[in-house]
């Protein structure tokens, strides 16, 4: 399926306002993981790996601690993951993932962003059927054969396994995400993830005209300015 090139392009450096939003998003995600499971890092695998990812993104320790402490107090907001699908300029499509404590507020803001460029949201599955929901990991390793064999021995269904220039890209069903990481970390305890995400990846990409690309970029900015929006997936070729 050749995902390695695409996911490398998806890894962008966050600075300024984007970094502040990253902190806020991780605080919500960590709070939710701690509230839904045990609010202790060592006994909650999902929380542990989320905290590790937050630290890699340089999220300050006090933000992480406050989020976990809020979950321990049984107070705070009740966040919900809500996904929207929409049609952009040209043949572009978008899937917008949000984490919100007020669905009416969030859908109103997302819809307003599309309205500003005279485009609209779609109904459920109007866009997502053209995307694959995958967990993708990229690691540096020289143990290609050993990792491949161990993953198969664990009964993991590998959707994609690529090795190039010392980097291995693994794509699986998100339900097997943690199982894959257990195998990787058992074989290479000090493993570092170049990329480690669950997301929606388009089956095909489109190239927009100059005018449509400008409108598309504006839509992305409008959506990214919404605090509740955590991820934006699309089918546009950004080359």
Protein backbone atom coordinates (compact mmCIF):
# COMPACT_ATOMS: atom_id res chain seq x y z
CA UNK A 1 0.00 0.00 0.00
CA UNK A 2 3.04 2.27 0.25
CA UNK A 3 2.13 4.42 3.27
CA UNK A 4 5.65 5.35 4.39
CA UNK A 5 6.05 8.39 2.14
CA UNK A 6 2.64 9.78 3.04
CA UNK A 7 3.05 9.46 6.79
CA UNK A 8 6.45 11.14 6.69
CA UNK A 9 4.79 14.15 5.08
CA UNK A 10 2.11 14.06 7.78
CA UNK A 11 4.70 14.57 10.53
CA UNK A 12 4.98 18.35 10.76
CA UNK A 13 6.80 20.47 13.27
CA UNK A 14 4.49 22.37 15.60
CA UNK A 15 5.40 25.86 16.82
CA UNK A 16 3.63 28.83 18.40
CA UNK A 17 -0.14 28.61 18.44
CA UNK A 18 -0.04 25.11 16.94
CA UNK A 19 2.11 23.94 19.86
CA UNK A 20 -0.34 25.43 22.36
CA UNK A 21 -3.17 23.54 20.69
CA UNK A 22 -1.10 20.35 20.83
CA UNK A 23 -0.76 20.79 24.59
CA UNK A 24 -4.51 21.34 24.99
CA UNK A 25 -5.36 18.31 22.85
CA UNK A 26 -3.01 16.02 24.77
CA UNK A 27 -4.40 17.30 28.08
CA UNK A 28 -7.92 16.30 26.94
CA UNK A 29 -6.78 12.92 25.59
CA UNK A 30 -4.81 12.11 28.75
CA UNK A 31 -7.70 13.16 30.99
CA UNK A 32 -10.10 10.98 29.00
CA UNK A 33 -7.77 7.94 29.03
CA UNK A 34 -7.21 8.31 32.78
CA UNK A 35 -10.92 8.78 33.50
CA UNK A 36 -12.04 5.80 31.42
CA UNK A 37 -9.38 3.48 32.85
CA UNK A 38 -7.18 3.45 35.91
CA UNK A 39 -5.71 6.94 36.50
CA UNK A 40 -2.25 5.45 37.10
CA UNK A 41 0.34 5.48 34.31
CA UNK A 42 1.96 2.12 35.08
CA UNK A 43 -1.32 0.19 35.27
CA UNK A 44 -3.08 1.79 32.29
CA UNK A 45 -1.39 0.85 29.00
CA UNK A 46 -3.36 3.33 26.90
CA UNK A 47 -2.58 6.15 29.34
CA UNK A 48 1.08 5.15 29.56
CA UNK A 49 1.60 5.22 25.81
CA UNK A 50 -0.34 8.46 25.46
CA UNK A 51 1.89 10.10 28.09
CA UNK A 52 4.99 8.80 26.29
CA UNK A 53 3.74 10.33 23.05
CA UNK A 54 2.95 13.62 24.82
CA UNK A 55 6.46 13.81 26.23
CA UNK A 56 7.89 13.17 22.76
CA UNK A 57 5.87 16.17 21.59
CA UNK A 58 7.44 18.14 24.48
CA UNK A 59 4.21 18.58 26.40
CA UNK A 60 5.22 19.95 29.84
CA UNK A 61 5.02 17.53 32.78
CA UNK A 62 2.73 19.84 34.76
CA UNK A 63 0.10 19.72 31.99
CA UNK A 64 0.25 15.92 32.00
CA UNK A 65 0.03 15.77 35.81
CA UNK A 66 -2.91 18.19 35.98
CA UNK A 67 -4.87 16.14 33.44
CA UNK A 68 -4.34 12.92 35.41
CA UNK A 69 -5.08 14.59 38.75
CA UNK A 70 -8.34 15.98 37.34
CA UNK A 71 -9.36 12.45 36.32
CA UNK A 72 -8.52 11.16 39.82
CA UNK A 73 -10.81 13.78 41.37
CA UNK A 74 -13.75 12.52 39.27
CA UNK A 75 -14.49 16.09 38.32
CA UNK A 76 -14.06 18.08 35.15
CA UNK A 77 -15.62 17.84 31.72
CA UNK A 78 -17.04 14.80 30.02
CA UNK A 79 -15.35 14.80 26.61
CA UNK A 80 -16.64 12.87 23.62
CA UNK A 81 -14.96 11.97 20.34
CA UNK A 82 -17.13 13.12 17.42
CA UNK A 83 -16.19 12.79 13.75
CA UNK A 84 -17.52 14.86 10.85
CA UNK A 85 -17.23 14.28 7.11
CA UNK A 86 -17.24 17.02 4.51
CA UNK A 87 -16.72 18.03 0.90
CA UNK A 88 -14.12 20.65 0.04
CA UNK A 89 -13.26 22.43 -3.22
CA UNK A 90 -12.72 20.38 -6.36
CA UNK A 91 -12.82 16.66 -5.61
CA UNK A 92 -11.40 17.09 -2.10
CA UNK A 93 -12.95 15.36 0.90
CA UNK A 94 -12.22 15.74 4.59
CA UNK A 95 -12.74 13.82 7.81
CA UNK A 96 -12.57 15.96 10.94
CA UNK A 97 -12.02 14.38 14.35
CA UNK A 98 -13.04 16.42 17.37
CA UNK A 99 -12.86 16.01 21.12
CA UNK A 100 -15.64 18.04 22.69
CA UNK A 101 -17.69 18.63 25.81
CA UNK A 102 -20.38 20.45 23.80
CA UNK A 103 -21.44 18.80 20.53
CA UNK A 104 -23.78 21.62 19.50
CA UNK A 105 -21.00 24.18 19.82
CA UNK A 106 -18.52 22.04 17.91
CA UNK A 107 -20.75 21.09 14.98
CA UNK A 108 -21.79 24.74 14.66
CA UNK A 109 -18.17 25.86 14.37
CA UNK A 110 -17.21 23.08 11.95
CA UNK A 111 -20.24 23.78 9.77
CA UNK A 112 -19.45 27.51 9.79
CA UNK A 113 -15.93 26.79 8.47
CA UNK A 114 -17.38 24.91 5.50
CA UNK A 115 -20.02 27.59 4.93
CA UNK A 116 -17.34 30.28 4.66
CA UNK A 117 -15.95 28.60 1.54
CA UNK A 118 -19.46 27.69 0.29
CA UNK A 119 -19.02 23.96 0.87
CA UNK A 120 -20.87 21.59 3.16
CA UNK A 121 -20.68 18.75 5.65
CA UNK A 122 -21.81 15.31 4.53
CA UNK A 123 -23.71 12.57 6.28
CA UNK A 124 -22.01 9.61 7.98
CA UNK A 125 -20.09 7.40 5.50
CA UNK A 126 -20.49 9.91 2.65
CA UNK A 127 -16.70 10.34 2.68
CA UNK A 128 -15.18 7.75 5.00
CA UNK A 129 -15.85 4.80 2.67
CA UNK A 130 -12.98 6.16 0.55
CA UNK A 131 -10.55 6.01 3.49
CA UNK A 132 -8.81 3.22 5.41
CA UNK A 133 -8.79 3.37 9.21
CA UNK A 134 -5.28 2.24 10.14
CA UNK A 135 -2.68 2.26 12.88
CA UNK A 136 0.69 3.09 11.32
CA UNK A 137 4.06 2.93 13.03
CA UNK A 138 7.49 3.81 11.62
CA UNK A 139 10.58 2.72 13.53
CA UNK A 140 14.32 2.57 12.99
CA UNK A 141 15.48 -1.04 13.16
CA UNK A 142 17.81 -3.56 11.56
CA UNK A 143 15.71 -6.48 12.86
CA UNK A 144 13.34 -6.61 9.90
CA UNK A 145 13.08 -10.40 9.60
CA UNK A 146 12.84 -11.03 13.35
CA UNK A 147 10.15 -8.41 13.82
CA UNK A 148 8.18 -9.70 10.84
CA UNK A 149 8.29 -13.28 12.11
CA UNK A 150 7.35 -12.34 15.69
CA UNK A 151 4.40 -10.24 14.55
CA UNK A 152 3.11 -13.14 12.45
CA UNK A 153 3.69 -15.58 15.33
CA UNK A 154 1.48 -13.40 17.52
CA UNK A 155 -1.31 -13.77 14.96
CA UNK A 156 -1.23 -10.11 13.95
CA UNK A 157 -2.74 -9.36 10.56
CA UNK A 158 -0.18 -7.13 8.86
CA UNK A 159 -1.88 -4.87 6.34
CA UNK A 160 1.47 -3.45 5.29
CA UNK A 161 5.11 -4.11 6.29
CA UNK A 162 7.81 -2.10 4.49
CA UNK A 163 11.52 -1.70 5.09
CA UNK A 164 13.60 1.01 3.47
CA UNK A 165 16.91 2.63 4.48
CA UNK A 166 16.77 1.17 7.99
CA UNK A 167 13.20 2.34 8.60
CA UNK A 168 10.31 -0.11 8.97
CA UNK A 169 6.72 0.93 8.36
CA UNK A 170 3.97 -1.25 9.83
CA UNK A 171 0.26 -0.83 9.12
CA UNK A 172 -2.40 -2.77 11.03
CA UNK A 173 -5.99 -2.63 12.16
CA UNK A 174 -6.14 -0.10 15.08
CA UNK A 175 -7.50 -2.86 17.35
CA UNK A 176 -4.07 -4.50 17.09
CA UNK A 177 -2.10 -1.30 17.68
CA UNK A 178 -1.09 -2.02 21.27
CA UNK A 179 -0.43 -5.68 20.51
CA UNK A 180 2.06 -4.68 17.81
CA UNK A 181 3.79 -2.26 20.16
CA UNK A 182 4.08 -4.98 22.81
CA UNK A 183 5.98 -7.14 20.29
CA UNK A 184 8.19 -4.29 19.08
CA UNK A 185 9.11 -3.18 22.58
CA UNK A 186 9.80 -6.74 23.70
CA UNK A 187 12.33 -7.23 20.91
CA UNK A 188 13.79 -3.70 21.07
CA UNK A 189 13.21 -2.24 24.57
CA UNK A 190 14.69 1.15 23.65
CA UNK A 191 12.73 1.49 20.45
CA UNK A 192 11.89 5.00 19.20
CA UNK A 193 8.85 5.68 17.05
CA UNK A 194 9.40 8.03 14.14
CA UNK A 195 5.66 7.94 13.52
CA UNK A 196 2.93 6.33 15.61
CA UNK A 197 -0.67 7.23 14.79
CA UNK A 198 -4.14 5.86 14.28
CA UNK A 199 -5.95 7.69 11.53
CA UNK A 200 -7.93 7.81 8.33
CA UNK A 201 -5.81 7.40 5.19
CA UNK A 202 -7.33 8.07 1.74
CA UNK A 203 -7.42 5.22 -0.74
CA UNK A 204 -6.72 7.69 -3.55
CA UNK A 205 -5.47 11.27 -3.65
CA UNK A 206 -6.51 14.17 -5.84
CA UNK A 207 -4.60 17.19 -7.16
CA UNK A 208 -6.40 20.52 -6.99
CA UNK A 209 -6.21 23.51 -9.31
CA UNK A 210 -4.43 26.61 -7.99
CA UNK A 211 -7.72 28.32 -7.10
CA UNK A 212 -9.18 25.23 -5.42
CA UNK A 213 -5.94 24.66 -3.52
CA UNK A 214 -6.08 28.18 -2.09
CA UNK A 215 -9.67 27.61 -0.96
CA UNK A 216 -8.73 24.23 0.49
CA UNK A 217 -5.83 25.75 2.46
CA UNK A 218 -8.22 28.36 3.86
CA UNK A 219 -10.63 25.63 4.96
CA UNK A 220 -7.84 23.73 6.72
CA UNK A 221 -6.83 26.92 8.57
CA UNK A 222 -10.42 27.63 9.61
CA UNK A 223 -10.85 24.10 10.92
CA UNK A 224 -7.46 24.04 12.64
CA UNK A 225 -8.36 27.26 14.48
CA UNK A 226 -11.21 25.42 16.23
CA UNK A 227 -9.97 24.25 19.63
CA UNK A 228 -12.15 21.12 19.59
CA UNK A 229 -10.66 19.86 16.31
CA UNK A 230 -7.86 17.37 17.01
CA UNK A 231 -7.20 15.81 13.58
CA UNK A 232 -8.02 16.66 9.97
CA UNK A 233 -7.73 13.92 7.36
CA UNK A 234 -8.08 14.62 3.65
CA UNK A 235 -7.41 13.25 0.19
CA UNK A 236 -5.49 16.18 -1.28
CA UNK A 237 -2.04 15.72 -2.78
CA UNK A 238 0.04 18.45 -1.10
CA UNK A 239 3.06 18.20 -3.44
